[in-house]
Structure formats: C-alpha cells, structure tokens
Amino acid sequence: MLTTDQAIEKLVSRRSWYKNSGMKGSTARVYKKRFLENKLELDSRMKMLEVCGYRIVRQMRWENPNSS
C-alpha cells in the first residue's frame, strides 16, 4: 500500500503518465507542478489518482479528541 503522496510520486515519475486517463495534458502539467510545489489540494490529489486507475483501499478515519 502507498500513501497518497507516494502514489502520486510514482505516477508522475513516468513519462506521459496521464495518457488514457481522460485528463488533458495541460491539466496534468498543472497538477504535477502544484503537487511538486506542495500546493495541490487533497481532493485534487485523490481525483488525479482515481482517473489514472488507482483505487483507495483504506478510508481516512478521524477521532474527536474531546469525545469520551
């Protein structure tokens, strides 16, 4: 299993990684640039992985520290 960031790093390290995803080349370049600058939002990261064939295997879980 990979973290979201690990999966994106692996994905964008390949040449023409966005081919066959339905994503335009210009959008792919912007997403990659923003990711490398650590400015790509989590929703966009998840969408990027999903359209490239990745699937989430474990949902995020949150706990309220103030709950009993």
N, C-alpha and C. Protein backbone atom coordinates (compact mmCIF):
# COMPACT_ATOMS: atom_id res chain seq x y z
N MET A 1 0.83 -1.18 0.00
CA MET A 1 0.00 0.00 0.00
C MET A 1 0.88 1.24 0.00
N LEU A 2 0.37 2.27 -0.61
CA LEU A 2 1.09 3.53 -0.72
C LEU A 2 0.27 4.65 -0.08
N THR A 3 0.95 5.67 0.41
CA THR A 3 0.23 6.86 0.84
C THR A 3 -0.20 7.60 -0.42
N THR A 4 -1.05 8.58 -0.27
CA THR A 4 -1.49 9.38 -1.42
C THR A 4 -0.29 10.01 -2.11
N ASP A 5 0.59 10.61 -1.33
CA ASP A 5 1.75 11.28 -1.91
C ASP A 5 2.71 10.30 -2.58
N GLN A 6 2.91 9.15 -1.99
CA GLN A 6 3.78 8.14 -2.60
C GLN A 6 3.21 7.67 -3.93
N ALA A 7 1.90 7.47 -3.97
CA ALA A 7 1.25 7.02 -5.21
C ALA A 7 1.40 8.07 -6.30
N ILE A 8 1.24 9.34 -5.95
CA ILE A 8 1.37 10.40 -6.95
C ILE A 8 2.81 10.52 -7.42
N GLU A 9 3.76 10.43 -6.50
CA GLU A 9 5.17 10.48 -6.89
C GLU A 9 5.50 9.36 -7.89
N LYS A 10 5.01 8.18 -7.61
CA LYS A 10 5.24 7.05 -8.51
C LYS A 10 4.56 7.29 -9.85
N LEU A 11 3.34 7.79 -9.82
CA LEU A 11 2.57 8.04 -11.03
C LEU A 11 3.26 9.06 -11.93
N VAL A 12 3.58 10.24 -11.38
CA VAL A 12 4.12 11.32 -12.22
C VAL A 12 5.57 11.11 -12.62
N SER A 13 6.23 10.10 -12.06
CA SER A 13 7.61 9.83 -12.44
C SER A 13 7.70 9.17 -13.82
N ARG A 14 6.56 8.65 -14.29
CA ARG A 14 6.52 8.03 -15.62
C ARG A 14 6.24 9.08 -16.69
N ARG A 15 6.84 8.91 -17.83
CA ARG A 15 6.59 9.80 -18.97
C ARG A 15 5.15 9.59 -19.47
N SER A 16 4.48 10.66 -19.81
CA SER A 16 3.10 10.62 -20.32
C SER A 16 2.17 9.87 -19.39
N TRP A 17 2.31 10.08 -18.10
CA TRP A 17 1.54 9.37 -17.08
C TRP A 17 0.04 9.58 -17.21
N TYR A 18 -0.39 10.65 -17.79
CA TYR A 18 -1.81 10.99 -17.88
C TYR A 18 -2.51 10.38 -19.09
N LYS A 19 -1.74 9.78 -20.00
CA LYS A 19 -2.35 9.17 -21.19
C LYS A 19 -3.35 8.10 -20.78
N ASN A 20 -4.42 7.98 -21.51
CA ASN A 20 -5.50 7.01 -21.27
C ASN A 20 -6.28 7.27 -19.99
N SER A 21 -6.11 8.45 -19.40
CA SER A 21 -6.85 8.78 -18.18
C SER A 21 -8.04 9.68 -18.47
N GLY A 22 -8.04 10.27 -19.66
CA GLY A 22 -9.08 11.24 -19.99
C GLY A 22 -8.70 12.65 -19.55
N MET A 23 -7.55 12.79 -18.91
CA MET A 23 -7.08 14.09 -18.44
C MET A 23 -6.29 14.77 -19.56
N LYS A 24 -6.54 16.05 -19.75
CA LYS A 24 -5.81 16.81 -20.76
C LYS A 24 -4.36 17.00 -20.31
N GLY A 25 -3.48 17.10 -21.27
CA GLY A 25 -2.07 17.30 -20.98
C GLY A 25 -1.81 18.57 -20.18
N SER A 26 -2.53 19.63 -20.51
CA SER A 26 -2.33 20.90 -19.80
C SER A 26 -2.76 20.78 -18.34
N THR A 27 -3.85 20.08 -18.09
CA THR A 27 -4.31 19.86 -16.71
C THR A 27 -3.31 19.00 -15.96
N ALA A 28 -2.80 17.97 -16.61
CA ALA A 28 -1.82 17.08 -15.99
C ALA A 28 -0.56 17.84 -15.59
N ARG A 29 -0.11 18.74 -16.46
CA ARG A 29 1.10 19.52 -16.16
C ARG A 29 0.87 20.43 -14.95
N VAL A 30 -0.31 21.06 -14.89
CA VAL A 30 -0.62 21.94 -13.76
C VAL A 30 -0.71 21.13 -12.47
N TYR A 31 -1.39 19.99 -12.51
CA TYR A 31 -1.49 19.15 -11.31
C TYR A 31 -0.11 18.71 -10.83
N LYS A 32 0.73 18.28 -11.76
CA LYS A 32 2.08 17.83 -11.38
C LYS A 32 2.87 18.98 -10.78
N LYS A 33 2.80 20.15 -11.41
CA LYS A 33 3.53 21.32 -10.91
C LYS A 33 3.06 21.68 -9.50
N ARG A 34 1.75 21.73 -9.31
CA ARG A 34 1.21 22.08 -7.99
C ARG A 34 1.57 21.02 -6.95
N PHE A 35 1.55 19.77 -7.35
CA PHE A 35 1.93 18.70 -6.42
C PHE A 35 3.38 18.87 -5.99
N LEU A 36 4.27 19.09 -6.93
CA LEU A 36 5.69 19.24 -6.62
C LEU A 36 5.96 20.47 -5.76
N GLU A 37 5.09 21.47 -5.87
CA GLU A 37 5.20 22.67 -5.03
C GLU A 37 4.45 22.52 -3.71
N ASN A 38 3.84 21.36 -3.51
CA ASN A 38 3.03 21.06 -2.33
C ASN A 38 1.84 22.01 -2.20
N LYS A 39 1.24 22.34 -3.35
CA LYS A 39 0.10 23.25 -3.38
C LYS A 39 -1.16 22.60 -3.96
N LEU A 40 -1.12 21.30 -4.21
CA LEU A 40 -2.27 20.60 -4.78
C LEU A 40 -3.15 20.09 -3.64
N GLU A 41 -4.42 20.48 -3.67
CA GLU A 41 -5.34 20.10 -2.60
C GLU A 41 -5.59 18.59 -2.59
N LEU A 42 -5.96 18.09 -1.43
CA LEU A 42 -6.18 16.66 -1.25
C LEU A 42 -7.25 16.13 -2.21
N ASP A 43 -8.34 16.87 -2.38
CA ASP A 43 -9.40 16.43 -3.30
C ASP A 43 -8.86 16.24 -4.72
N SER A 44 -8.03 17.17 -5.15
CA SER A 44 -7.44 17.08 -6.49
C SER A 44 -6.47 15.91 -6.58
N ARG A 45 -5.72 15.66 -5.52
CA ARG A 45 -4.79 14.52 -5.50
C ARG A 45 -5.56 13.21 -5.65
N MET A 46 -6.65 13.10 -4.90
CA MET A 46 -7.44 11.87 -4.95
C MET A 46 -8.08 11.69 -6.32
N LYS A 47 -8.61 12.77 -6.88
CA LYS A 47 -9.23 12.71 -8.22
C LYS A 47 -8.20 12.30 -9.26
N MET A 48 -7.01 12.86 -9.15
CA MET A 48 -5.92 12.56 -10.08
C MET A 48 -5.59 11.07 -10.07
N LEU A 49 -5.49 10.50 -8.89
CA LEU A 49 -5.18 9.07 -8.78
C LEU A 49 -6.32 8.21 -9.31
N GLU A 50 -7.55 8.59 -8.98
CA GLU A 50 -8.72 7.80 -9.42
C GLU A 50 -8.82 7.75 -10.94
N VAL A 51 -8.64 8.89 -11.62
CA VAL A 51 -8.77 8.89 -13.08
C VAL A 51 -7.63 8.13 -13.75
N CYS A 52 -6.54 7.93 -13.02
CA CYS A 52 -5.40 7.18 -13.56
C CYS A 52 -5.44 5.71 -13.15
N GLY A 53 -6.54 5.27 -12.57
CA GLY A 53 -6.73 3.86 -12.30
C GLY A 53 -6.42 3.38 -10.90
N TYR A 54 -5.96 4.28 -10.03
CA TYR A 54 -5.70 3.88 -8.65
C TYR A 54 -7.02 3.79 -7.90
N ARG A 55 -7.06 2.97 -6.87
CA ARG A 55 -8.26 2.88 -6.04
C ARG A 55 -7.85 2.97 -4.58
N ILE A 56 -8.72 3.59 -3.81
CA ILE A 56 -8.43 3.76 -2.40
C ILE A 56 -8.76 2.46 -1.68
N VAL A 57 -7.87 2.00 -0.82
CA VAL A 57 -8.08 0.74 -0.14
C VAL A 57 -8.37 0.93 1.35
N ARG A 58 -8.11 2.12 1.86
CA ARG A 58 -8.42 2.39 3.27
C ARG A 58 -8.86 3.85 3.38
N GLN A 59 -10.06 4.06 3.89
CA GLN A 59 -10.57 5.40 4.09
C GLN A 59 -9.88 6.06 5.27
N MET A 60 -9.84 7.38 5.23
CA MET A 60 -9.30 8.12 6.37
C MET A 60 -10.29 8.06 7.52
N ARG A 61 -9.78 7.96 8.71
CA ARG A 61 -10.62 7.94 9.90
C ARG A 61 -10.16 9.05 10.83
N TRP A 62 -11.14 9.71 11.42
CA TRP A 62 -10.84 10.83 12.30
C TRP A 62 -11.47 10.58 13.65
N GLU A 63 -10.82 11.05 14.68
CA GLU A 63 -11.34 10.91 16.04
C GLU A 63 -11.32 12.28 16.70
N ASN A 64 -12.40 12.62 17.37
CA ASN A 64 -12.50 13.87 18.08
C ASN A 64 -11.80 13.71 19.42
N PRO A 65 -10.76 14.50 19.70
CA PRO A 65 -10.02 14.35 20.96
C PRO A 65 -10.84 14.75 22.18
N ASN A 66 -11.94 15.45 21.98
CA ASN A 66 -12.78 15.91 23.08
C ASN A 66 -13.90 14.94 23.42
N SER A 67 -14.06 13.90 22.63
CA SER A 67 -15.13 12.94 22.89
C SER A 67 -14.69 11.92 23.95
N SER A 68 -15.66 11.39 24.62
CA SER A 68 -15.35 10.43 25.71
C SER A 68 -15.06 9.07 25.19
